[in-house]
C-alpha cells in the first residue's frame, strides 16, 4: 500500500465541550496517512493522477471552519468520512492532537478508517 502523508498540519478551530471553549479558537495538529496508488503518477509524471495534498489541506481548513465541534472524536470521524468520499481514498489514518488541553501533556485521538 502506498501512502501520501500530511503531518504536523496546524489549524485553529472552535472545539471543546466547555462553555468557555465555544468562544475561542484552539490549535489542532493533524497527521494524515492516506492510501493512494503512487505508481501510476510516478510512471507517467502526471500530476492529475497524484493525490493533490494542497486540495486535501484546503478541504480540511474549510471543514474545520464550517462549524463548531465539541469532541475531537466527532471531528475525526466526520473528517475521515468526508475525505474518503471526496478524494476517493481507500484508507485513512488520522491523528489529531489538541495541545494545551491538559497541562504538561498533548492529548488527542487517532482513528483508522477504510472506504466502505
N, C-alpha and C. Protein backbone atom coordinates (compact mmCIF):
# COMPACT_ATOMS: atom_id res chain seq x y z
N UNK A 1 0.85 -1.18 0.00
CA UNK A 1 0.00 0.00 0.00
C UNK A 1 0.89 1.24 0.00
N UNK A 2 0.61 2.15 -0.90
CA UNK A 2 1.32 3.43 -0.95
C UNK A 2 0.60 4.43 -0.05
N UNK A 3 1.37 5.32 0.52
CA UNK A 3 0.82 6.33 1.44
C UNK A 3 1.29 7.72 1.02
N UNK A 4 0.35 8.62 0.95
CA UNK A 4 0.65 10.05 0.87
C UNK A 4 0.37 10.59 2.26
N UNK A 5 1.33 11.29 2.84
CA UNK A 5 1.10 11.77 4.20
C UNK A 5 1.18 13.28 4.29
N UNK A 6 0.43 13.78 5.23
CA UNK A 6 0.43 15.18 5.62
C UNK A 6 0.56 15.15 7.14
N UNK A 7 1.71 15.57 7.65
CA UNK A 7 1.96 15.51 9.09
C UNK A 7 2.21 16.91 9.64
N UNK A 8 1.90 17.06 10.90
CA UNK A 8 2.12 18.32 11.63
C UNK A 8 1.39 19.50 11.00
N UNK A 9 0.21 19.22 10.45
CA UNK A 9 -0.62 20.27 9.87
C UNK A 9 -1.38 20.96 11.00
N UNK A 10 -1.10 22.24 11.20
CA UNK A 10 -1.72 23.01 12.27
C UNK A 10 -2.86 23.86 11.74
N UNK A 11 -3.95 23.87 12.50
CA UNK A 11 -5.06 24.74 12.18
C UNK A 11 -5.72 25.18 13.47
N UNK A 12 -6.52 26.21 13.40
CA UNK A 12 -7.28 26.64 14.56
C UNK A 12 -8.76 26.51 14.24
N UNK A 13 -9.51 26.14 15.26
CA UNK A 13 -10.94 25.96 15.10
C UNK A 13 -11.61 26.08 16.46
N UNK A 14 -12.91 26.22 16.45
CA UNK A 14 -13.66 26.22 17.70
C UNK A 14 -14.01 24.78 18.01
N UNK A 15 -13.45 24.29 19.10
CA UNK A 15 -13.68 22.90 19.51
C UNK A 15 -13.58 22.79 21.01
N UNK A 16 -14.49 22.05 21.59
CA UNK A 16 -14.44 21.81 23.03
C UNK A 16 -15.82 21.69 23.64
N UNK A 17 -15.85 21.05 24.77
CA UNK A 17 -17.09 20.77 25.48
C UNK A 17 -17.49 21.92 26.40
N UNK A 18 -16.50 22.57 26.99
CA UNK A 18 -16.78 23.59 27.99
C UNK A 18 -17.27 24.89 27.34
N UNK A 19 -18.13 25.61 28.07
CA UNK A 19 -18.73 26.83 27.54
C UNK A 19 -17.68 27.85 27.11
N UNK A 20 -16.61 27.98 27.88
CA UNK A 20 -15.58 28.95 27.52
C UNK A 20 -14.89 28.59 26.21
N UNK A 21 -14.88 27.30 25.86
CA UNK A 21 -14.26 26.87 24.60
C UNK A 21 -15.10 27.22 23.38
N UNK A 22 -16.36 27.49 23.60
CA UNK A 22 -17.26 27.82 22.50
C UNK A 22 -17.02 29.21 21.93
N UNK A 23 -16.20 29.98 22.59
CA UNK A 23 -15.98 31.37 22.18
C UNK A 23 -14.54 31.66 21.77
N UNK A 24 -13.72 30.63 21.70
CA UNK A 24 -12.33 30.84 21.31
C UNK A 24 -11.94 29.82 20.24
N UNK A 25 -10.86 30.12 19.56
CA UNK A 25 -10.31 29.15 18.63
C UNK A 25 -9.11 28.49 19.31
N UNK A 26 -8.98 27.19 19.07
CA UNK A 26 -7.88 26.43 19.65
C UNK A 26 -7.11 25.73 18.54
N UNK A 27 -5.85 25.49 18.83
CA UNK A 27 -5.00 24.85 17.83
C UNK A 27 -5.18 23.34 17.86
N UNK A 28 -5.25 22.75 16.68
CA UNK A 28 -5.20 21.32 16.49
C UNK A 28 -4.03 21.01 15.58
N UNK A 29 -3.42 19.86 15.78
CA UNK A 29 -2.33 19.40 14.91
C UNK A 29 -2.75 18.04 14.35
N UNK A 30 -2.78 17.96 13.03
CA UNK A 30 -3.24 16.76 12.36
C UNK A 30 -2.11 16.04 11.65
N UNK A 31 -2.14 14.72 11.75
CA UNK A 31 -1.28 13.84 10.95
C UNK A 31 -2.21 12.94 10.15
N UNK A 32 -2.04 12.93 8.85
CA UNK A 32 -2.86 12.10 7.98
C UNK A 32 -1.97 11.18 7.16
N UNK A 33 -2.32 9.92 7.12
CA UNK A 33 -1.71 8.94 6.22
C UNK A 33 -2.83 8.47 5.30
N UNK A 34 -2.69 8.74 4.02
CA UNK A 34 -3.74 8.47 3.05
C UNK A 34 -3.28 7.45 2.02
N UNK A 35 -3.99 6.33 1.93
CA UNK A 35 -3.63 5.31 0.94
C UNK A 35 -3.94 5.86 -0.45
N UNK A 36 -2.93 5.81 -1.29
CA UNK A 36 -3.08 6.33 -2.65
C UNK A 36 -2.11 5.57 -3.56
N UNK A 37 -2.59 5.10 -4.72
CA UNK A 37 -1.69 4.39 -5.64
C UNK A 37 -0.71 5.36 -6.29
N UNK A 38 0.52 5.37 -5.81
CA UNK A 38 1.52 6.32 -6.30
C UNK A 38 2.23 5.85 -7.57
N UNK A 39 2.10 4.60 -7.92
CA UNK A 39 2.79 4.09 -9.09
C UNK A 39 2.31 4.73 -10.39
N UNK A 40 1.01 4.85 -10.64
CA UNK A 40 0.57 5.48 -11.90
C UNK A 40 1.10 6.91 -12.10
N UNK A 41 0.99 7.79 -11.10
CA UNK A 41 1.56 9.12 -11.34
C UNK A 41 3.08 9.10 -11.46
N UNK A 42 3.74 8.19 -10.74
CA UNK A 42 5.20 8.11 -10.82
C UNK A 42 5.66 7.65 -12.19
N UNK A 43 4.94 6.71 -12.78
CA UNK A 43 5.32 6.18 -14.09
C UNK A 43 5.12 7.20 -15.21
N UNK A 44 4.10 8.05 -15.05
CA UNK A 44 3.76 8.99 -16.12
C UNK A 44 4.18 10.42 -15.81
N UNK A 45 4.57 10.67 -14.56
CA UNK A 45 4.90 12.02 -14.11
C UNK A 45 3.71 12.97 -14.34
N UNK A 46 2.50 12.43 -14.13
CA UNK A 46 1.26 13.17 -14.38
C UNK A 46 0.63 13.58 -13.06
N UNK A 47 0.60 14.87 -12.82
CA UNK A 47 0.04 15.42 -11.59
C UNK A 47 -1.44 15.06 -11.43
N UNK A 48 -2.14 14.87 -12.52
CA UNK A 48 -3.58 14.57 -12.46
C UNK A 48 -3.87 13.18 -11.88
N UNK A 49 -2.86 12.34 -11.83
CA UNK A 49 -3.03 11.01 -11.26
C UNK A 49 -2.61 10.95 -9.79
N UNK A 50 -1.98 12.00 -9.33
CA UNK A 50 -1.50 12.06 -7.95
C UNK A 50 -2.58 12.63 -7.03
N UNK A 51 -2.48 12.32 -5.76
CA UNK A 51 -3.37 12.92 -4.78
C UNK A 51 -2.90 14.35 -4.53
N UNK A 52 -3.78 15.29 -4.71
CA UNK A 52 -3.45 16.71 -4.55
C UNK A 52 -3.51 17.07 -3.07
N UNK A 53 -2.37 17.00 -2.40
CA UNK A 53 -2.38 17.25 -0.95
C UNK A 53 -2.70 18.69 -0.62
N UNK A 54 -2.46 19.63 -1.53
CA UNK A 54 -2.87 21.00 -1.25
C UNK A 54 -4.39 21.12 -1.25
N UNK A 55 -5.06 20.36 -2.11
CA UNK A 55 -6.52 20.35 -2.12
C UNK A 55 -7.06 19.68 -0.85
N UNK A 56 -6.36 18.66 -0.37
CA UNK A 56 -6.76 18.00 0.88
C UNK A 56 -6.66 18.98 2.04
N UNK A 57 -5.56 19.71 2.12
CA UNK A 57 -5.35 20.68 3.19
C UNK A 57 -6.42 21.78 3.12
N UNK A 58 -6.69 22.28 1.95
CA UNK A 58 -7.71 23.32 1.79
C UNK A 58 -9.07 22.80 2.23
N UNK A 59 -9.40 21.57 1.86
CA UNK A 59 -10.66 20.97 2.25
C UNK A 59 -10.76 20.87 3.78
N UNK A 60 -9.68 20.46 4.43
CA UNK A 60 -9.67 20.35 5.89
C UNK A 60 -9.87 21.71 6.54
N UNK A 61 -9.23 22.73 6.01
CA UNK A 61 -9.39 24.08 6.57
C UNK A 61 -10.84 24.55 6.46
N UNK A 62 -11.46 24.30 5.32
CA UNK A 62 -12.87 24.68 5.15
C UNK A 62 -13.75 23.89 6.10
N UNK A 63 -13.50 22.60 6.20
CA UNK A 63 -14.25 21.75 7.11
C UNK A 63 -14.14 22.25 8.55
N UNK A 64 -12.93 22.55 9.00
CA UNK A 64 -12.70 22.97 10.38
C UNK A 64 -13.37 24.31 10.70
N UNK A 65 -13.51 25.16 9.70
CA UNK A 65 -14.12 26.48 9.94
C UNK A 65 -15.64 26.47 9.69
N UNK A 66 -16.16 25.35 9.23
CA UNK A 66 -17.58 25.30 8.84
C UNK A 66 -18.53 25.20 10.02
N UNK A 67 -18.06 24.66 11.13
CA UNK A 67 -18.92 24.53 12.30
C UNK A 67 -18.08 24.29 13.54
N UNK A 68 -18.74 24.38 14.68
CA UNK A 68 -18.05 24.13 15.96
C UNK A 68 -18.30 22.69 16.37
N UNK A 69 -17.25 22.04 16.82
CA UNK A 69 -17.35 20.68 17.33
C UNK A 69 -17.08 20.69 18.82
N UNK A 70 -17.71 19.77 19.53
CA UNK A 70 -17.40 19.61 20.94
C UNK A 70 -16.29 18.58 21.12
N UNK A 71 -16.40 17.45 20.45
CA UNK A 71 -15.46 16.36 20.66
C UNK A 71 -14.49 16.19 19.50
N UNK A 72 -13.23 15.91 19.84
CA UNK A 72 -12.25 15.55 18.81
C UNK A 72 -12.70 14.30 18.07
N UNK A 73 -13.34 13.39 18.78
CA UNK A 73 -13.82 12.15 18.18
C UNK A 73 -14.79 12.42 17.04
N UNK A 74 -15.70 13.36 17.24
CA UNK A 74 -16.67 13.72 16.21
C UNK A 74 -15.97 14.38 15.03
N UNK A 75 -15.08 15.31 15.33
CA UNK A 75 -14.29 15.98 14.29
C UNK A 75 -13.56 14.94 13.44
N UNK A 76 -12.89 13.99 14.10
CA UNK A 76 -12.10 12.98 13.40
C UNK A 76 -12.98 12.08 12.52
N UNK A 77 -14.06 11.58 13.08
CA UNK A 77 -14.94 10.67 12.33
C UNK A 77 -15.53 11.35 11.10
N UNK A 78 -16.05 12.55 11.29
CA UNK A 78 -16.67 13.25 10.17
C UNK A 78 -15.65 13.63 9.11
N UNK A 79 -14.49 14.09 9.54
CA UNK A 79 -13.46 14.47 8.58
C UNK A 79 -12.98 13.27 7.79
N UNK A 80 -12.72 12.16 8.46
CA UNK A 80 -12.25 10.96 7.77
C UNK A 80 -13.27 10.50 6.72
N UNK A 81 -14.53 10.47 7.10
CA UNK A 81 -15.58 10.03 6.16
C UNK A 81 -15.66 10.95 4.94
N UNK A 82 -15.57 12.24 5.17
CA UNK A 82 -15.65 13.19 4.06
C UNK A 82 -14.42 13.11 3.15
N UNK A 83 -13.23 12.94 3.73
CA UNK A 83 -12.02 12.82 2.91
C UNK A 83 -12.07 11.56 2.05
N UNK A 84 -12.51 10.46 2.62
CA UNK A 84 -12.64 9.21 1.86
C UNK A 84 -13.57 9.41 0.67
N UNK A 85 -14.70 10.05 0.93
CA UNK A 85 -15.70 10.25 -0.12
C UNK A 85 -15.22 11.25 -1.18
N UNK A 86 -14.75 12.39 -0.74
CA UNK A 86 -14.38 13.47 -1.67
C UNK A 86 -13.19 13.11 -2.55
N UNK A 87 -12.18 12.46 -1.98
CA UNK A 87 -10.95 12.20 -2.72
C UNK A 87 -10.80 10.73 -3.14
N UNK A 88 -11.82 9.93 -2.87
CA UNK A 88 -11.82 8.52 -3.26
C UNK A 88 -10.62 7.78 -2.66
N UNK A 89 -10.41 8.00 -1.38
CA UNK A 89 -9.29 7.41 -0.65
C UNK A 89 -9.74 6.07 -0.09
N UNK A 90 -8.92 5.05 -0.26
CA UNK A 90 -9.26 3.70 0.20
C UNK A 90 -9.11 3.55 1.72
N UNK A 91 -8.12 4.23 2.30
CA UNK A 91 -7.80 4.07 3.71
C UNK A 91 -7.21 5.38 4.23
N UNK A 92 -7.56 5.69 5.47
CA UNK A 92 -7.01 6.88 6.11
C UNK A 92 -6.67 6.57 7.56
N UNK A 93 -5.52 7.05 7.96
CA UNK A 93 -5.13 7.05 9.37
C UNK A 93 -5.03 8.52 9.76
N UNK A 94 -5.82 8.92 10.73
CA UNK A 94 -5.92 10.32 11.12
C UNK A 94 -5.63 10.45 12.61
N UNK A 95 -4.64 11.26 12.92
CA UNK A 95 -4.28 11.55 14.30
C UNK A 95 -4.49 13.05 14.52
N UNK A 96 -5.22 13.38 15.58
CA UNK A 96 -5.47 14.79 15.90
C UNK A 96 -5.01 15.04 17.33
N UNK A 97 -4.12 16.00 17.47
CA UNK A 97 -3.62 16.40 18.78
C UNK A 97 -4.20 17.76 19.14
N UNK A 98 -4.48 17.94 20.42
CA UNK A 98 -5.00 19.21 20.93
C UNK A 98 -4.05 19.70 22.03
N UNK A 99 -2.99 20.39 21.62
CA UNK A 99 -2.03 20.87 22.63
C UNK A 99 -2.70 21.91 23.53
N UNK A 100 -2.35 21.87 24.78
CA UNK A 100 -2.91 22.84 25.71
C UNK A 100 -4.18 22.37 26.39
N UNK A 101 -4.74 21.25 25.97
CA UNK A 101 -5.97 20.76 26.60
C UNK A 101 -5.72 20.26 28.01
N UNK A 102 -4.55 19.65 28.21
CA UNK A 102 -4.14 19.15 29.52
C UNK A 102 -2.74 19.69 29.80
N UNK A 103 -2.57 20.22 30.99
CA UNK A 103 -1.26 20.77 31.35
C UNK A 103 -0.20 19.67 31.33
N UNK A 104 0.94 19.99 30.73
CA UNK A 104 2.10 19.10 30.66
C UNK A 104 1.86 17.83 29.85
N UNK A 105 0.92 17.89 28.90
CA UNK A 105 0.66 16.72 28.06
C UNK A 105 0.05 17.18 26.74
N UNK A 106 0.21 16.35 25.75
CA UNK A 106 -0.51 16.56 24.49
C UNK A 106 -1.48 15.40 24.36
N UNK A 107 -2.74 15.71 24.20
CA UNK A 107 -3.78 14.69 24.10
C UNK A 107 -4.41 14.73 22.73
N UNK A 108 -5.12 13.69 22.40
CA UNK A 108 -5.80 13.67 21.11
C UNK A 108 -6.43 12.32 20.83
N UNK A 109 -6.77 12.12 19.58
CA UNK A 109 -7.38 10.87 19.13
C UNK A 109 -6.69 10.42 17.85
N UNK A 110 -6.77 9.13 17.61
CA UNK A 110 -6.26 8.58 16.36
C UNK A 110 -7.26 7.52 15.89
N UNK A 111 -7.62 7.60 14.60
CA UNK A 111 -8.53 6.62 14.04
C UNK A 111 -7.98 6.12 12.71
N UNK A 112 -8.41 4.94 12.33
CA UNK A 112 -8.11 4.38 11.02
C UNK A 112 -9.43 3.94 10.41
N UNK A 113 -9.67 4.36 9.18
CA UNK A 113 -10.91 4.03 8.50
C UNK A 113 -10.63 3.61 7.07
N UNK A 114 -11.50 2.75 6.57
CA UNK A 114 -11.42 2.26 5.19
C UNK A 114 -12.68 2.64 4.44
N UNK A 115 -12.53 2.75 3.14
CA UNK A 115 -13.67 3.01 2.28
C UNK A 115 -14.64 1.85 2.41
N UNK A 116 -15.91 2.16 2.53
CA UNK A 116 -16.94 1.10 2.69
C UNK A 116 -17.17 0.36 1.38
